[in-house]
N, C-alpha and C. Protein backbone atom coordinates (compact mmCIF):
# COMPACT_ATOMS: atom_id res chain seq x y z
N MET A 1 22.07 -3.02 22.72
CA MET A 1 21.66 -1.62 22.80
C MET A 1 21.93 -0.95 21.45
N THR A 2 20.94 -0.27 20.93
CA THR A 2 21.10 0.39 19.64
C THR A 2 21.46 1.86 19.87
N PRO A 3 22.20 2.45 18.93
CA PRO A 3 22.55 3.86 19.06
C PRO A 3 21.32 4.76 18.88
N LEU A 4 21.41 5.95 19.44
CA LEU A 4 20.29 6.89 19.41
C LEU A 4 19.94 7.29 17.98
N TRP A 5 20.94 7.48 17.13
CA TRP A 5 20.67 7.90 15.75
C TRP A 5 19.89 6.83 15.00
N LEU A 6 20.17 5.55 15.29
CA LEU A 6 19.43 4.47 14.64
C LEU A 6 18.00 4.41 15.15
N ASP A 7 17.83 4.60 16.46
CA ASP A 7 16.48 4.66 17.02
C ASP A 7 15.66 5.79 16.41
N ALA A 8 16.30 6.92 16.16
CA ALA A 8 15.60 8.06 15.55
C ALA A 8 15.18 7.74 14.12
N ILE A 9 16.03 7.07 13.36
CA ILE A 9 15.69 6.71 11.98
C ILE A 9 14.55 5.69 11.97
N VAL A 10 14.64 4.68 12.84
CA VAL A 10 13.59 3.66 12.92
C VAL A 10 12.27 4.30 13.34
N ALA A 11 12.31 5.19 14.32
CA ALA A 11 11.10 5.87 14.77
C ALA A 11 10.50 6.72 13.66
N ALA A 12 11.34 7.41 12.91
CA ALA A 12 10.84 8.24 11.80
C ALA A 12 10.18 7.38 10.73
N LEU A 13 10.77 6.22 10.44
CA LEU A 13 10.17 5.33 9.44
C LEU A 13 8.84 4.76 9.92
N VAL A 14 8.76 4.39 11.19
CA VAL A 14 7.50 3.86 11.73
C VAL A 14 6.42 4.94 11.74
N VAL A 15 6.79 6.16 12.13
CA VAL A 15 5.82 7.26 12.13
C VAL A 15 5.38 7.58 10.70
N ALA A 16 6.31 7.56 9.75
CA ALA A 16 5.96 7.80 8.35
C ALA A 16 5.00 6.73 7.84
N SER A 17 5.23 5.50 8.24
CA SER A 17 4.34 4.41 7.85
C SER A 17 2.94 4.62 8.43
N GLY A 18 2.87 4.98 9.68
CA GLY A 18 1.57 5.23 10.32
C GLY A 18 0.85 6.42 9.72
N LEU A 19 1.56 7.50 9.46
CA LEU A 19 0.94 8.68 8.85
C LEU A 19 0.42 8.37 7.45
N THR A 20 1.17 7.56 6.73
CA THR A 20 0.73 7.17 5.40
C THR A 20 -0.57 6.38 5.47
N SER A 21 -0.69 5.52 6.45
CA SER A 21 -1.92 4.75 6.62
C SER A 21 -3.09 5.66 6.98
N VAL A 22 -2.84 6.64 7.82
CA VAL A 22 -3.91 7.59 8.20
C VAL A 22 -4.33 8.41 6.99
N VAL A 23 -3.38 8.86 6.19
CA VAL A 23 -3.70 9.64 5.00
C VAL A 23 -4.49 8.78 4.01
N ALA A 24 -4.14 7.51 3.87
CA ALA A 24 -4.87 6.61 2.98
C ALA A 24 -6.30 6.42 3.46
N ALA A 25 -6.46 6.24 4.76
CA ALA A 25 -7.82 6.07 5.32
C ALA A 25 -8.63 7.35 5.13
N TRP A 26 -8.00 8.49 5.33
CA TRP A 26 -8.70 9.77 5.13
C TRP A 26 -9.08 9.93 3.67
N GLY A 27 -8.19 9.53 2.77
CA GLY A 27 -8.49 9.61 1.35
C GLY A 27 -9.64 8.71 0.96
N MET A 28 -9.70 7.52 1.53
CA MET A 28 -10.81 6.62 1.24
C MET A 28 -12.13 7.20 1.72
N ARG A 29 -12.10 7.83 2.88
CA ARG A 29 -13.32 8.43 3.44
C ARG A 29 -13.79 9.62 2.62
N ARG A 30 -12.85 10.34 2.05
CA ARG A 30 -13.15 11.59 1.37
C ARG A 30 -13.58 11.42 -0.08
N MET A 31 -13.09 10.39 -0.75
CA MET A 31 -13.36 10.21 -2.17
C MET A 31 -14.83 9.83 -2.42
N PRO A 32 -15.40 10.32 -3.53
CA PRO A 32 -16.84 10.14 -3.75
C PRO A 32 -17.25 8.77 -4.30
N SER A 33 -16.42 8.13 -5.08
CA SER A 33 -16.85 6.89 -5.73
C SER A 33 -15.86 5.76 -5.46
N PHE A 34 -16.29 4.55 -5.78
CA PHE A 34 -15.44 3.38 -5.59
C PHE A 34 -14.14 3.51 -6.37
N PHE A 35 -14.22 3.96 -7.59
CA PHE A 35 -13.04 4.04 -8.44
C PHE A 35 -12.05 5.07 -7.93
N ALA A 36 -12.53 6.17 -7.38
CA ALA A 36 -11.64 7.16 -6.79
C ALA A 36 -11.05 6.64 -5.48
N ARG A 37 -11.83 5.86 -4.72
CA ARG A 37 -11.36 5.32 -3.44
C ARG A 37 -10.27 4.28 -3.61
N MET A 38 -10.14 3.69 -4.77
CA MET A 38 -9.14 2.66 -4.99
C MET A 38 -7.72 3.22 -4.98
N HIS A 39 -7.54 4.47 -5.35
CA HIS A 39 -6.20 5.03 -5.51
C HIS A 39 -5.52 5.32 -4.17
N ALA A 40 -6.25 5.85 -3.23
CA ALA A 40 -5.63 6.27 -1.96
C ALA A 40 -4.94 5.11 -1.23
N PRO A 41 -5.61 4.00 -1.00
CA PRO A 41 -4.90 2.94 -0.26
C PRO A 41 -3.87 2.21 -1.11
N ALA A 42 -4.08 2.12 -2.40
CA ALA A 42 -3.13 1.38 -3.25
C ALA A 42 -1.77 2.07 -3.26
N ILE A 43 -1.77 3.36 -3.41
CA ILE A 43 -0.51 4.10 -3.47
C ILE A 43 0.11 4.24 -2.08
N ALA A 44 -0.71 4.57 -1.10
CA ALA A 44 -0.19 4.82 0.23
C ALA A 44 0.27 3.55 0.93
N SER A 45 -0.42 2.47 0.72
CA SER A 45 -0.02 1.24 1.42
C SER A 45 1.33 0.74 0.94
N THR A 46 1.65 1.00 -0.31
CA THR A 46 2.96 0.58 -0.81
C THR A 46 4.08 1.27 -0.04
N PHE A 47 4.00 2.58 0.11
CA PHE A 47 5.03 3.29 0.86
C PHE A 47 5.00 2.92 2.33
N GLY A 48 3.81 2.78 2.90
CA GLY A 48 3.70 2.45 4.32
C GLY A 48 4.34 1.11 4.65
N VAL A 49 4.11 0.12 3.82
CA VAL A 49 4.67 -1.20 4.07
C VAL A 49 6.19 -1.18 3.88
N TRP A 50 6.67 -0.49 2.85
CA TRP A 50 8.12 -0.42 2.64
C TRP A 50 8.80 0.31 3.79
N ALA A 51 8.18 1.36 4.31
CA ALA A 51 8.77 2.10 5.43
C ALA A 51 8.82 1.22 6.68
N ALA A 52 7.75 0.49 6.95
CA ALA A 52 7.74 -0.39 8.12
C ALA A 52 8.76 -1.51 7.96
N ALA A 53 8.88 -2.07 6.77
CA ALA A 53 9.87 -3.13 6.54
C ALA A 53 11.29 -2.60 6.66
N ALA A 54 11.53 -1.39 6.18
CA ALA A 54 12.87 -0.80 6.30
C ALA A 54 13.21 -0.54 7.76
N ALA A 55 12.23 -0.05 8.53
CA ALA A 55 12.46 0.18 9.96
C ALA A 55 12.79 -1.14 10.66
N SER A 56 12.03 -2.16 10.34
CA SER A 56 12.27 -3.48 10.94
C SER A 56 13.64 -4.04 10.55
N ALA A 57 13.99 -3.91 9.28
CA ALA A 57 15.29 -4.42 8.81
C ALA A 57 16.44 -3.68 9.49
N LEU A 58 16.33 -2.37 9.59
CA LEU A 58 17.39 -1.60 10.25
C LEU A 58 17.54 -1.98 11.72
N TYR A 59 16.43 -2.04 12.42
CA TYR A 59 16.47 -2.31 13.85
C TYR A 59 17.02 -3.70 14.15
N PHE A 60 16.46 -4.71 13.49
CA PHE A 60 16.90 -6.06 13.80
C PHE A 60 18.29 -6.37 13.25
N SER A 61 18.68 -5.69 12.19
CA SER A 61 20.07 -5.83 11.71
C SER A 61 21.05 -5.26 12.74
N ALA A 62 20.67 -4.15 13.35
CA ALA A 62 21.53 -3.56 14.38
C ALA A 62 21.59 -4.46 15.61
N LEU A 63 20.48 -5.07 15.98
CA LEU A 63 20.48 -5.95 17.14
C LEU A 63 21.31 -7.22 16.91
N GLU A 64 21.18 -7.79 15.72
CA GLU A 64 21.88 -9.04 15.41
C GLU A 64 23.34 -8.82 15.02
N GLY A 65 23.67 -7.64 14.55
CA GLY A 65 25.03 -7.36 14.13
C GLY A 65 25.34 -7.85 12.72
N GLU A 66 24.31 -8.28 12.00
CA GLU A 66 24.45 -8.71 10.60
C GLU A 66 23.14 -8.37 9.89
N PRO A 67 23.18 -8.30 8.56
CA PRO A 67 21.96 -7.93 7.83
C PRO A 67 20.83 -8.95 8.03
N VAL A 68 19.68 -8.45 8.41
CA VAL A 68 18.47 -9.27 8.56
C VAL A 68 17.46 -8.71 7.57
N LEU A 69 17.24 -9.42 6.49
CA LEU A 69 16.42 -8.87 5.40
C LEU A 69 15.20 -9.71 5.06
N HIS A 70 14.88 -10.71 5.85
CA HIS A 70 13.76 -11.57 5.47
C HIS A 70 12.41 -10.85 5.52
N MET A 71 12.31 -9.73 6.23
CA MET A 71 11.04 -9.00 6.26
C MET A 71 10.77 -8.21 4.97
N VAL A 72 11.74 -8.16 4.09
CA VAL A 72 11.55 -7.47 2.80
C VAL A 72 10.67 -8.31 1.87
N VAL A 73 10.47 -9.57 2.21
CA VAL A 73 9.61 -10.44 1.40
C VAL A 73 8.17 -9.92 1.39
N ILE A 74 7.71 -9.39 2.51
CA ILE A 74 6.32 -8.92 2.61
C ILE A 74 6.05 -7.79 1.62
N PRO A 75 6.83 -6.69 1.62
CA PRO A 75 6.54 -5.64 0.64
C PRO A 75 6.80 -6.10 -0.80
N ALA A 76 7.72 -7.03 -1.00
CA ALA A 76 7.96 -7.53 -2.36
C ALA A 76 6.73 -8.27 -2.87
N ILE A 77 6.12 -9.09 -2.03
CA ILE A 77 4.90 -9.78 -2.43
C ILE A 77 3.76 -8.79 -2.66
N LEU A 78 3.67 -7.79 -1.78
CA LEU A 78 2.63 -6.77 -1.98
C LEU A 78 2.84 -5.98 -3.26
N ALA A 79 4.09 -5.71 -3.61
CA ALA A 79 4.37 -4.97 -4.84
C ALA A 79 3.90 -5.74 -6.07
N VAL A 80 3.87 -7.06 -5.97
CA VAL A 80 3.40 -7.88 -7.09
C VAL A 80 1.89 -8.03 -7.06
N THR A 81 1.32 -8.27 -5.88
CA THR A 81 -0.10 -8.60 -5.80
C THR A 81 -1.02 -7.38 -5.74
N LEU A 82 -0.57 -6.27 -5.20
CA LEU A 82 -1.45 -5.10 -5.05
C LEU A 82 -1.94 -4.55 -6.38
N PRO A 83 -1.10 -4.36 -7.38
CA PRO A 83 -1.63 -3.88 -8.66
C PRO A 83 -2.60 -4.88 -9.30
N LEU A 84 -2.32 -6.15 -9.14
CA LEU A 84 -3.20 -7.17 -9.71
C LEU A 84 -4.58 -7.14 -9.05
N THR A 85 -4.62 -7.06 -7.73
CA THR A 85 -5.92 -7.00 -7.07
C THR A 85 -6.65 -5.70 -7.38
N THR A 86 -5.92 -4.61 -7.55
CA THR A 86 -6.56 -3.34 -7.92
C THR A 86 -7.23 -3.44 -9.29
N VAL A 87 -6.55 -4.05 -10.24
CA VAL A 87 -7.13 -4.22 -11.58
C VAL A 87 -8.35 -5.13 -11.52
N LEU A 88 -8.25 -6.23 -10.79
CA LEU A 88 -9.38 -7.16 -10.71
C LEU A 88 -10.58 -6.53 -10.02
N LEU A 89 -10.36 -5.77 -8.96
CA LEU A 89 -11.47 -5.08 -8.30
C LEU A 89 -12.11 -4.04 -9.20
N SER A 90 -11.31 -3.30 -9.94
CA SER A 90 -11.88 -2.28 -10.83
C SER A 90 -12.66 -2.91 -11.98
N ARG A 91 -12.17 -4.02 -12.50
CA ARG A 91 -12.89 -4.72 -13.57
C ARG A 91 -14.22 -5.28 -13.07
N ALA A 92 -14.22 -5.82 -11.86
CA ALA A 92 -15.47 -6.34 -11.28
C ALA A 92 -16.46 -5.21 -11.04
N ALA A 93 -15.97 -4.06 -10.58
CA ALA A 93 -16.87 -2.92 -10.35
C ALA A 93 -17.43 -2.39 -11.67
N LEU A 94 -16.60 -2.33 -12.71
CA LEU A 94 -17.10 -1.92 -14.02
C LEU A 94 -18.16 -2.89 -14.55
N PHE A 95 -17.91 -4.17 -14.38
CA PHE A 95 -18.87 -5.18 -14.82
C PHE A 95 -20.20 -4.99 -14.11
N ARG A 96 -20.17 -4.78 -12.80
CA ARG A 96 -21.41 -4.58 -12.05
C ARG A 96 -22.12 -3.30 -12.47
N LYS A 97 -21.36 -2.24 -12.74
CA LYS A 97 -21.99 -0.99 -13.19
C LYS A 97 -22.65 -1.17 -14.55
N ARG A 98 -22.01 -1.94 -15.43
CA ARG A 98 -22.62 -2.21 -16.73
C ARG A 98 -23.90 -3.02 -16.59
N LEU A 99 -23.91 -3.96 -15.67
CA LEU A 99 -25.12 -4.76 -15.43
C LEU A 99 -26.25 -3.90 -14.87
N ASP A 100 -25.90 -2.91 -14.07
CA ASP A 100 -26.91 -2.02 -13.49
C ASP A 100 -27.41 -0.99 -14.49
N GLY A 101 -26.79 -0.93 -15.67
CA GLY A 101 -27.23 0.01 -16.70
C GLY A 101 -26.65 1.40 -16.56
N ALA A 102 -25.55 1.53 -15.86
CA ALA A 102 -24.93 2.85 -15.70
C ALA A 102 -24.37 3.32 -17.04
N ASN A 103 -24.31 4.62 -17.20
CA ASN A 103 -23.83 5.22 -18.44
C ASN A 103 -22.30 5.29 -18.40
N ILE A 104 -21.66 4.20 -18.76
CA ILE A 104 -20.20 4.14 -18.81
C ILE A 104 -19.79 3.60 -20.17
N PRO A 105 -18.58 3.85 -20.60
CA PRO A 105 -18.14 3.38 -21.91
C PRO A 105 -18.16 1.86 -22.01
N PRO A 106 -18.38 1.34 -23.20
CA PRO A 106 -18.38 -0.13 -23.38
C PRO A 106 -16.96 -0.68 -23.25
N PRO A 107 -16.82 -1.99 -23.13
CA PRO A 107 -15.48 -2.58 -23.08
C PRO A 107 -14.70 -2.29 -24.35
N LEU A 108 -13.39 -2.38 -24.28
CA LEU A 108 -12.55 -2.08 -25.44
C LEU A 108 -12.79 -3.04 -26.60
N GLY A 109 -13.25 -4.24 -26.32
CA GLY A 109 -13.52 -5.22 -27.37
C GLY A 109 -14.74 -4.85 -28.21
N GLY A 110 -15.53 -3.88 -27.77
CA GLY A 110 -16.70 -3.42 -28.51
C GLY A 110 -17.89 -4.34 -28.40
N ARG A 111 -17.93 -5.17 -27.36
CA ARG A 111 -19.07 -6.08 -27.18
C ARG A 111 -20.29 -5.37 -26.74
């Protein structure tokens, strides 16, 4: 049985994670272009995943009576891979826009 104060903290973290996901989805729906849409989920998902992992770590640590931290691996991997995938997606979108003849700046190499 977990104490009420711990349940309240875990519930607040889970609700914060869910609200962050809703705000990210709303931001994606609202933004006008692909490049603007990339920011809302990238920033919000980082906080949402960390909040859910913290809630899980707190709850299961209280149940086991010792620190349970293996769920922290998920946000750690996301912290490494999310910026990389964001850069690769934006570069691919820029490449496609250049192929379509859109009026965007040339690559930094001056090709």
